[in-house]
Amino acid sequence: MKTLVIGGTGLVGSQVARELLQRNADVSVLTRSAEKAKALPTGVKAVVGDLQRMDTVRSIFRGVEAVFLLNPVSMTETQEGLMAVAGARNAGVRTIVFQSIHEVDRAAFLPHFGPKIAIEAAVKASGIPYTIVRPNNFFQVDTWFKDIILGAGIYPQPLGSAGLSRVDVRDIAEAAAIALTTGGHEGQTYNLVGPDVLTGPGTAEAWGRALGREIRYAGEDMDAWEKQSLQYLPDWMAFDFRLMYEFFQKYGLEGTREDVDRLTKVLGHPPRRFQDFVRETAKLWTRTPSGVTA
């Protein structure tokens, strides 16, 4: 099956490409960057293009049977998503899996959530057989904080104490690849959640146990968080993420037992647990060049 992965150089999309390769799919990844194209896994074809360019929209879907659609967070996210759906529809793509976000309807006012609602609507109206996957916050986001966790002993993601059902990227990718390559998922929307409800303080404690040292939760002073974030994020993204984290702090983002059971049925195994991910990752982080854990 000739499959195009849009968003295939990020945390989730790159893992989706690997999962598809394992299922003997013919995999291409759309990327704006020729440099990123060089880093794609062996066996994955690079398609250099931009969904804001009509020559890209008109050409990249030719001969493609299936599309995984994950639009990076940007000021043009909605438009790029709609262009992708239009291009796929015009080219006669047979199936599309769109990655949205868990409980997206609860917070349509959030810049991080709202674009996904518009793209979901376009996917459903396109006439293309579809599956929508709606993941919770990813375990692997924590890998971005390696230096501050190990160096300062601080866990910085301001998740709050209401609780999130965070999920492993490997489970997201596996579910997406299954939906793309097997029947029985058309018209379905899957909430992709982990089996445990996690908080900011609890997450810091989990890292502390795995690393054998104290890891403190940075807390929820969002003025301070935004000021720090502006050192490495554009102002619109810091504002967007601040609103999202404030929503998490107030309302949480919990899955249900039914969500976990449905995902277990799709995967053929229970979703991975955060504690296991932390232990695996901590071992990798603390491994010395000689291969002995420090």
Protein backbone atom coordinates (compact mmCIF):
# COMPACT_ATOMS: atom_id res chain seq x y z
CA MET A 1 0.00 0.00 0.00
CA LYS A 2 1.44 3.36 -1.03
CA THR A 3 1.14 5.58 2.04
CA LEU A 4 2.01 9.23 2.56
CA VAL A 5 2.84 10.42 6.08
CA ILE A 6 2.31 14.15 6.62
CA GLY A 7 4.13 15.29 9.75
CA GLY A 8 6.53 12.37 9.45
CA THR A 9 9.66 14.00 10.89
CA GLY A 10 8.24 14.64 14.37
CA LEU A 11 7.80 12.49 17.47
CA VAL A 12 4.66 10.71 16.29
CA GLY A 13 4.95 10.84 12.51
CA SER A 14 8.43 9.32 12.42
CA GLN A 15 7.20 6.45 14.58
CA VAL A 16 4.16 5.99 12.32
CA ALA A 17 6.52 5.68 9.34
CA ARG A 18 8.49 2.96 11.15
CA GLU A 19 5.33 1.07 12.06
CA LEU A 20 4.15 1.20 8.44
CA LEU A 21 7.50 -0.11 7.20
CA GLN A 22 7.13 -3.07 9.55
CA ARG A 23 3.80 -3.76 7.86
CA ASN A 24 5.44 -3.72 4.43
CA ALA A 25 3.81 -0.48 3.33
CA ASP A 26 5.39 1.70 0.65
CA VAL A 27 6.03 4.79 2.81
CA SER A 28 6.71 8.38 1.79
CA VAL A 29 7.06 11.35 4.16
CA LEU A 30 6.27 14.94 3.27
CA THR A 31 8.80 17.42 4.64
CA ARG A 32 9.63 21.04 3.97
CA SER A 33 13.29 20.40 4.74
CA ALA A 34 15.73 18.60 2.46
CA GLU A 35 18.02 18.27 5.51
CA LYS A 36 15.34 16.50 7.55
CA ALA A 37 14.70 14.26 4.56
CA LYS A 38 18.24 12.89 4.91
CA ALA A 39 17.47 11.70 8.47
CA LEU A 40 14.42 9.60 7.56
CA PRO A 41 14.56 5.87 8.34
CA THR A 42 15.98 3.57 5.69
CA GLY A 43 13.19 2.54 3.33
CA VAL A 44 11.18 5.74 3.72
CA LYS A 45 11.01 8.00 0.68
CA ALA A 46 11.20 11.76 1.14
CA VAL A 47 8.84 14.12 -0.62
CA VAL A 48 10.03 17.72 -0.23
CA GLY A 49 7.12 20.15 -0.40
CA ASP A 50 4.90 22.60 1.44
CA LEU A 51 1.12 22.42 1.89
CA GLN A 52 0.97 26.18 1.48
CA ARG A 53 2.12 25.71 -2.14
CA MET A 54 -0.45 24.60 -4.67
CA ASP A 55 2.06 22.65 -6.75
CA THR A 56 2.68 20.50 -3.67
CA VAL A 57 -1.03 20.01 -2.97
CA ARG A 58 -1.68 19.04 -6.58
CA SER A 59 1.21 16.60 -6.90
CA ILE A 60 2.01 14.76 -3.67
CA PHE A 61 -1.14 12.65 -3.49
CA ARG A 62 -0.92 11.19 -7.00
CA GLY A 63 -0.90 7.41 -6.78
CA VAL A 64 -1.21 7.50 -2.97
CA GLU A 65 -3.69 5.05 -1.45
CA ALA A 66 -3.52 6.03 2.23
CA VAL A 67 -2.59 9.20 4.14
CA PHE A 68 -1.60 9.77 7.74
CA LEU A 69 -2.32 13.43 8.41
CA LEU A 70 -0.62 15.22 11.30
CA ASN A 71 -0.31 18.96 10.87
CA PRO A 72 2.42 20.60 12.96
CA VAL A 73 1.29 23.30 15.38
CA SER A 74 1.57 26.55 13.46
CA MET A 75 -0.28 29.75 12.64
CA THR A 76 -1.37 28.07 9.38
CA GLU A 77 -2.35 24.69 10.83
CA THR A 78 -6.01 24.85 9.79
CA GLN A 79 -5.29 25.94 6.23
CA GLU A 80 -2.61 23.30 5.73
CA GLY A 81 -4.94 20.61 7.05
CA LEU A 82 -7.77 21.66 4.74
CA MET A 83 -5.40 21.80 1.77
CA ALA A 84 -4.21 18.29 2.54
CA VAL A 85 -7.78 16.98 2.68
CA ALA A 86 -8.62 18.75 -0.59
CA GLY A 87 -5.54 17.35 -2.32
CA ALA A 88 -6.22 13.84 -1.06
CA ARG A 89 -9.85 14.04 -2.18
CA ASN A 90 -8.97 15.29 -5.66
CA ALA A 91 -6.40 12.53 -6.11
CA GLY A 92 -8.77 9.73 -5.07
CA VAL A 93 -6.96 8.68 -1.89
CA ARG A 94 -8.69 5.60 -0.46
CA THR A 95 -8.24 6.14 3.26
CA ILE A 96 -7.04 8.81 5.66
CA VAL A 97 -6.09 8.71 9.34
CA PHE A 98 -6.07 12.12 10.97
CA GLN A 99 -4.40 12.80 14.30
CA SER A 100 -6.47 15.21 16.36
CA ILE A 101 -6.32 15.60 20.16
CA HIS A 102 -8.10 13.94 23.07
CA GLU A 103 -11.38 15.60 24.08
CA VAL A 104 -10.85 18.27 21.42
CA ASP A 105 -14.49 19.37 21.56
CA ARG A 106 -14.20 20.38 25.22
CA ALA A 107 -11.82 23.21 24.46
CA ALA A 108 -12.45 24.48 20.93
CA PHE A 109 -11.46 27.96 22.14
CA LEU A 110 -7.84 26.87 22.63
CA PRO A 111 -5.55 27.67 19.69
CA HIS A 112 -3.98 24.24 20.20
CA PHE A 113 -7.35 22.46 19.92
CA GLY A 114 -9.52 24.55 17.60
CA PRO A 115 -7.75 23.85 14.29
CA LYS A 116 -8.18 20.11 14.80
CA ILE A 117 -11.96 20.51 14.96
CA ALA A 118 -12.05 22.20 11.56
CA ILE A 119 -9.80 19.55 10.02
CA GLU A 120 -11.84 16.73 11.59
CA ALA A 121 -14.96 18.22 9.99
CA ALA A 122 -13.23 18.41 6.60
CA VAL A 123 -12.06 14.79 6.85
CA LYS A 124 -15.56 13.60 7.71
CA ALA A 125 -17.15 15.58 4.86
CA SER A 126 -14.53 14.60 2.27
CA GLY A 127 -16.08 11.29 1.28
CA ILE A 128 -12.76 9.53 1.94
CA PRO A 129 -13.02 6.56 4.32
CA TYR A 130 -11.37 7.83 7.50
CA THR A 131 -10.27 7.11 11.04
CA ILE A 132 -9.60 9.83 13.61
CA VAL A 133 -7.14 9.23 16.43
CA ARG A 134 -7.25 11.57 19.41
CA PRO A 135 -4.19 11.14 21.64
CA ASN A 136 -3.65 12.60 25.08
CA ASN A 137 -0.37 14.31 26.06
CA PHE A 138 2.61 12.17 24.97
CA PHE A 139 5.03 10.43 27.36
CA GLN A 140 7.85 11.28 24.96
CA VAL A 141 7.37 15.03 25.43
CA ASP A 142 9.40 14.47 28.58
CA THR A 143 12.49 13.62 26.51
CA TRP A 144 12.63 17.31 25.54
CA PHE A 145 13.32 18.08 29.20
CA LYS A 146 16.27 15.72 29.61
CA ASP A 147 18.82 18.44 30.37
CA ILE A 148 16.74 20.22 33.01
CA ILE A 149 15.63 16.97 34.66
CA LEU A 150 19.17 15.60 34.86
CA GLY A 151 20.96 18.91 35.35
CA ALA A 152 18.69 20.93 37.64
CA GLY A 153 16.60 18.12 39.10
CA ILE A 154 13.40 19.83 37.96
CA TYR A 155 10.41 18.54 36.01
CA PRO A 156 9.16 21.64 34.12
CA GLN A 157 5.98 20.67 32.26
CA PRO A 158 3.15 22.42 34.22
CA LEU A 159 0.61 19.60 33.97
CA GLY A 160 -1.22 20.45 37.18
CA SER A 161 -2.91 18.14 39.67
CA ALA A 162 -6.28 17.47 38.03
CA GLY A 163 -4.76 14.60 36.05
CA LEU A 164 -4.10 13.53 32.46
CA SER A 165 -4.24 10.08 30.87
CA ARG A 166 -0.94 10.49 29.04
CA VAL A 167 -0.07 8.03 26.27
CA ASP A 168 3.03 6.50 24.71
CA VAL A 169 3.90 7.65 21.18
CA ARG A 170 4.54 4.01 20.26
CA ASP A 171 0.89 3.20 21.00
CA ILE A 172 -0.29 6.19 18.95
CA ALA A 173 1.82 5.13 15.99
CA GLU A 174 0.80 1.51 16.25
CA ALA A 175 -2.90 2.40 16.35
CA ALA A 176 -2.52 4.72 13.35
CA ALA A 177 -0.64 2.10 11.32
CA ILE A 178 -3.24 -0.54 12.14
CA ALA A 179 -6.05 1.77 11.03
CA LEU A 180 -4.19 2.55 7.79
CA THR A 181 -3.39 -1.03 6.86
CA THR A 182 -6.31 -3.14 8.13
CA GLY A 183 -10.06 -2.97 7.71
CA GLY A 184 -12.75 -2.38 10.28
CA HIS A 185 -11.74 1.11 11.43
CA GLU A 186 -13.57 3.26 8.88
CA GLY A 187 -15.61 6.04 10.46
CA GLN A 188 -14.17 5.39 13.92
CA THR A 189 -12.77 7.93 16.37
CA TYR A 190 -10.36 6.50 18.94
CA ASN A 191 -9.32 8.24 22.14
CA LEU A 192 -5.68 7.23 22.63
CA VAL A 193 -4.96 7.28 26.35
CA GLY A 194 -2.73 5.56 28.84
CA PRO A 195 -4.01 3.38 31.68
CA ASP A 196 -2.98 5.75 34.50
CA VAL A 197 -4.00 9.27 35.50
CA LEU A 198 -0.85 11.37 35.88
CA THR A 199 -0.25 14.74 37.55
CA GLY A 200 2.65 17.16 37.46
CA PRO A 201 3.85 16.34 40.99
CA GLY A 202 3.34 12.61 40.37
CA THR A 203 5.32 12.79 37.15
CA ALA A 204 8.24 14.44 38.94
CA GLU A 205 8.12 11.72 41.60
CA ALA A 206 8.15 9.00 38.92
CA TRP A 207 11.30 10.49 37.37
CA GLY A 208 12.87 10.77 40.82
CA ARG A 209 12.24 7.08 41.57
CA ALA A 210 13.65 6.00 38.22
CA LEU A 211 16.75 8.19 38.53
CA GLY A 212 17.33 7.52 42.22
CA ARG A 213 17.37 11.21 43.17
CA GLU A 214 14.98 14.01 44.00
CA ILE A 215 13.24 15.58 41.01
CA ARG A 216 11.13 18.59 41.96
CA TYR A 217 8.01 19.71 40.15
CA ALA A 218 8.52 23.25 38.84
CA GLY A 219 4.98 24.24 39.82
CA GLU A 220 2.31 26.27 38.07
CA ASP A 221 3.44 29.89 38.04
CA MET A 222 2.41 30.47 34.44
CA ASP A 223 3.82 33.98 34.25
CA ALA A 224 7.24 32.53 35.05
CA TRP A 225 6.67 29.58 32.70
CA GLU A 226 5.75 31.85 29.79
CA LYS A 227 8.74 34.13 30.41
CA GLN A 228 11.07 31.13 30.39
CA SER A 229 9.40 29.63 27.31
CA LEU A 230 9.87 32.80 25.31
CA GLN A 231 13.60 32.06 25.32
CA TYR A 232 13.04 29.21 22.87
CA LEU A 233 9.44 29.49 21.58
CA PRO A 234 7.83 32.15 19.39
CA ASP A 235 5.43 34.35 21.35
CA TRP A 236 2.29 32.94 19.71
CA MET A 237 3.32 29.37 20.63
CA ALA A 238 4.17 30.26 24.23
CA PHE A 239 0.75 31.92 24.52
CA ASP A 240 -0.96 28.89 22.93
CA PHE A 241 0.75 26.38 25.21
CA ARG A 242 0.15 28.52 28.28
CA LEU A 243 -3.60 28.44 27.64
CA MET A 244 -3.47 24.68 27.08
CA TYR A 245 -1.60 24.02 30.33
CA GLU A 246 -3.95 26.29 32.27
CA PHE A 247 -6.83 24.22 30.91
CA PHE A 248 -5.08 21.02 32.02
CA GLN A 249 -4.50 22.49 35.48
CA LYS A 250 -8.14 23.44 35.92
CA TYR A 251 -9.96 20.58 34.23
CA GLY A 252 -7.48 17.77 33.57
CA LEU A 253 -7.70 15.49 30.54
CA GLU A 254 -8.69 12.03 31.71
CA GLY A 255 -9.61 9.03 29.63
CA THR A 256 -12.20 6.46 30.59
CA ARG A 257 -12.07 2.73 31.18
CA GLU A 258 -13.92 2.34 27.88
CA ASP A 259 -11.20 4.34 26.11
CA VAL A 260 -8.49 2.06 27.49
CA ASP A 261 -10.46 -1.06 26.59
CA ARG A 262 -11.07 0.12 23.01
CA LEU A 263 -7.40 0.96 22.52
CA THR A 264 -6.41 -2.41 23.97
CA LYS A 265 -8.67 -4.10 21.43
CA VAL A 266 -7.19 -2.09 18.53
CA LEU A 267 -3.57 -2.71 19.58
CA GLY A 268 -4.01 -6.30 20.67
CA HIS A 269 -2.25 -5.44 23.94
CA PRO A 270 -2.78 -2.98 26.82
CA PRO A 271 -1.44 0.55 26.30
CA ARG A 272 1.99 1.11 27.77
CA ARG A 273 2.37 2.46 31.30
CA PHE A 274 4.18 5.69 32.11
CA GLN A 275 6.24 4.08 34.86
CA ASP A 276 7.70 1.61 32.36
CA PHE A 277 8.53 4.39 29.89
CA VAL A 278 10.28 6.38 32.63
CA ARG A 279 12.36 3.40 33.74
CA GLU A 280 13.41 2.61 30.15
CA THR A 281 14.28 6.24 29.43
CA ALA A 282 16.14 6.81 32.69
CA LYS A 283 18.39 3.82 31.90
CA LEU A 284 19.19 5.28 28.48
CA TRP A 285 19.89 8.71 29.95
CA THR A 286 22.26 7.43 32.61
CA ARG A 287 24.16 4.93 30.48
CA THR A 288 27.86 5.72 30.21
CA PRO A 289 29.83 5.43 26.95
CA SER A 290 31.16 2.05 28.12
CA GLY A 291 27.60 0.75 28.27
CA VAL A 292 27.48 0.55 32.08
CA THR A 293 24.72 2.43 33.86
CA ALA A 294 26.15 5.21 35.98
